[in-house]
Amino acid sequence: MHFGTFGGLPTRILYVFVGLSPLILFITGFVMWWYRYRGKTVVSRTVEISQSGQN
């Protein structure tokens, strides 16, 4: 089972998808974090600009 010989080709294909799933989860999680981080930065800069204009 460790070498992927159990179940033939369909099992090997399944092992590939299961093996790649942590990488896919990492990438999608990073992208979600990046958009959230970038959004906070843009909002904070907008607030700083609007507050500096009031002084």
C-alpha atoms as a PDB file:
ATOM      1  CA  MET A   1       0.000   0.000   0.000  1.00  0.00           C
ATOM      2  CA  HIS A   2       2.887   2.398   0.711  1.00  0.00           C
ATOM      3  CA  PHE A   3       4.264   2.039  -2.807  1.00  0.00           C
ATOM      4  CA  GLY A   4       0.902   2.550  -4.522  1.00  0.00           C
ATOM      5  CA  THR A   5       0.678  -0.973  -5.906  1.00  0.00           C
ATOM      6  CA  PHE A   6      -2.584  -1.686  -4.061  1.00  0.00           C
ATOM      7  CA  GLY A   7      -5.610  -1.060  -6.292  1.00  0.00           C
ATOM      8  CA  GLY A   8      -3.811  -0.297  -9.534  1.00  0.00           C
ATOM      9  CA  LEU A   9      -3.804   2.947 -11.481  1.00  0.00           C
ATOM     10  CA  PRO A  10      -6.951   4.516  -9.942  1.00  0.00           C
ATOM     11  CA  THR A  11      -5.407   4.237  -6.479  1.00  0.00           C
ATOM     12  CA  ARG A  12      -2.168   5.814  -7.683  1.00  0.00           C
ATOM     13  CA  ILE A  13      -4.094   8.731  -9.154  1.00  0.00           C
ATOM     14  CA  LEU A  14      -5.983   9.124  -5.884  1.00  0.00           C
ATOM     15  CA  TYR A  15      -2.674   9.093  -3.972  1.00  0.00           C
ATOM     16  CA  VAL A  16      -1.380  11.918  -6.186  1.00  0.00           C
ATOM     17  CA  PHE A  17      -4.431  14.093  -5.448  1.00  0.00           C
ATOM     18  CA  VAL A  18      -4.279  13.328  -1.728  1.00  0.00           C
ATOM     19  CA  GLY A  19      -0.565  14.105  -1.727  1.00  0.00           C
ATOM     20  CA  LEU A  20      -1.031  17.438  -3.492  1.00  0.00           C
ATOM     21  CA  SER A  21      -3.970  18.590  -1.377  1.00  0.00           C
ATOM     22  CA  PRO A  22      -1.810  20.161   1.407  1.00  0.00           C
ATOM     23  CA  LEU A  23      -0.006  22.256  -1.209  1.00  0.00           C
ATOM     24  CA  ILE A  24      -3.294  23.368  -2.747  1.00  0.00           C
ATOM     25  CA  LEU A  25      -4.711  24.222   0.683  1.00  0.00           C
ATOM     26  CA  PHE A  26      -1.570  26.202   1.516  1.00  0.00           C
ATOM     27  CA  ILE A  27      -1.720  28.193  -1.719  1.00  0.00           C
ATOM     28  CA  THR A  28      -5.424  28.999  -1.438  1.00  0.00           C
ATOM     29  CA  GLY A  29      -5.016  29.943   2.226  1.00  0.00           C
ATOM     30  CA  PHE A  30      -2.109  32.245   1.390  1.00  0.00           C
ATOM     31  CA  VAL A  31      -4.087  33.922  -1.388  1.00  0.00           C
ATOM     32  CA  MET A  32      -7.045  34.487   0.944  1.00  0.00           C
ATOM     33  CA  TRP A  33      -4.723  35.906   3.612  1.00  0.00           C
ATOM     34  CA  TRP A  34      -2.976  38.159   1.074  1.00  0.00           C
ATOM     35  CA  TYR A  35      -6.239  39.694  -0.155  1.00  0.00           C
ATOM     36  CA  ARG A  36      -7.343  40.288   3.445  1.00  0.00           C
ATOM     37  CA  TYR A  37      -3.955  41.781   4.394  1.00  0.00           C
ATOM     38  CA  ARG A  38      -3.883  43.966   1.292  1.00  0.00           C
ATOM     39  CA  GLY A  39      -7.421  45.159   1.949  1.00  0.00           C
ATOM     40  CA  LYS A  40      -6.555  46.261   5.492  1.00  0.00           C
ATOM     41  CA  THR A  41      -3.499  48.132   4.230  1.00  0.00           C
ATOM     42  CA  VAL A  42      -5.506  49.997   1.588  1.00  0.00           C
ATOM     43  CA  VAL A  43      -8.221  50.893   4.128  1.00  0.00           C
ATOM     44  CA  SER A  44      -5.702  52.115   6.711  1.00  0.00           C
ATOM     45  CA  ARG A  45      -3.939  54.289   4.123  1.00  0.00           C
ATOM     46  CA  THR A  46      -7.280  55.750   3.034  1.00  0.00           C
ATOM     47  CA  VAL A  47      -8.126  56.571   6.646  1.00  0.00           C
ATOM     48  CA  GLU A  48      -4.704  58.191   7.157  1.00  0.00           C
ATOM     49  CA  ILE A  49      -5.120  60.334   4.024  1.00  0.00           C
ATOM     50  CA  SER A  50      -8.646  61.420   4.944  1.00  0.00           C
ATOM     51  CA  GLN A  51      -7.612  62.281   8.519  1.00  0.00           C
ATOM     52  CA  SER A  52      -4.567  64.253   7.380  1.00  0.00           C
ATOM     53  CA  GLY A  53      -6.761  66.340   5.077  1.00  0.00           C
ATOM     54  CA  GLN A  54      -8.968  67.402   8.000  1.00  0.00           C
ATOM     55  CA  ASN A  55      -6.068  68.971   9.946  1.00  0.00           C
END
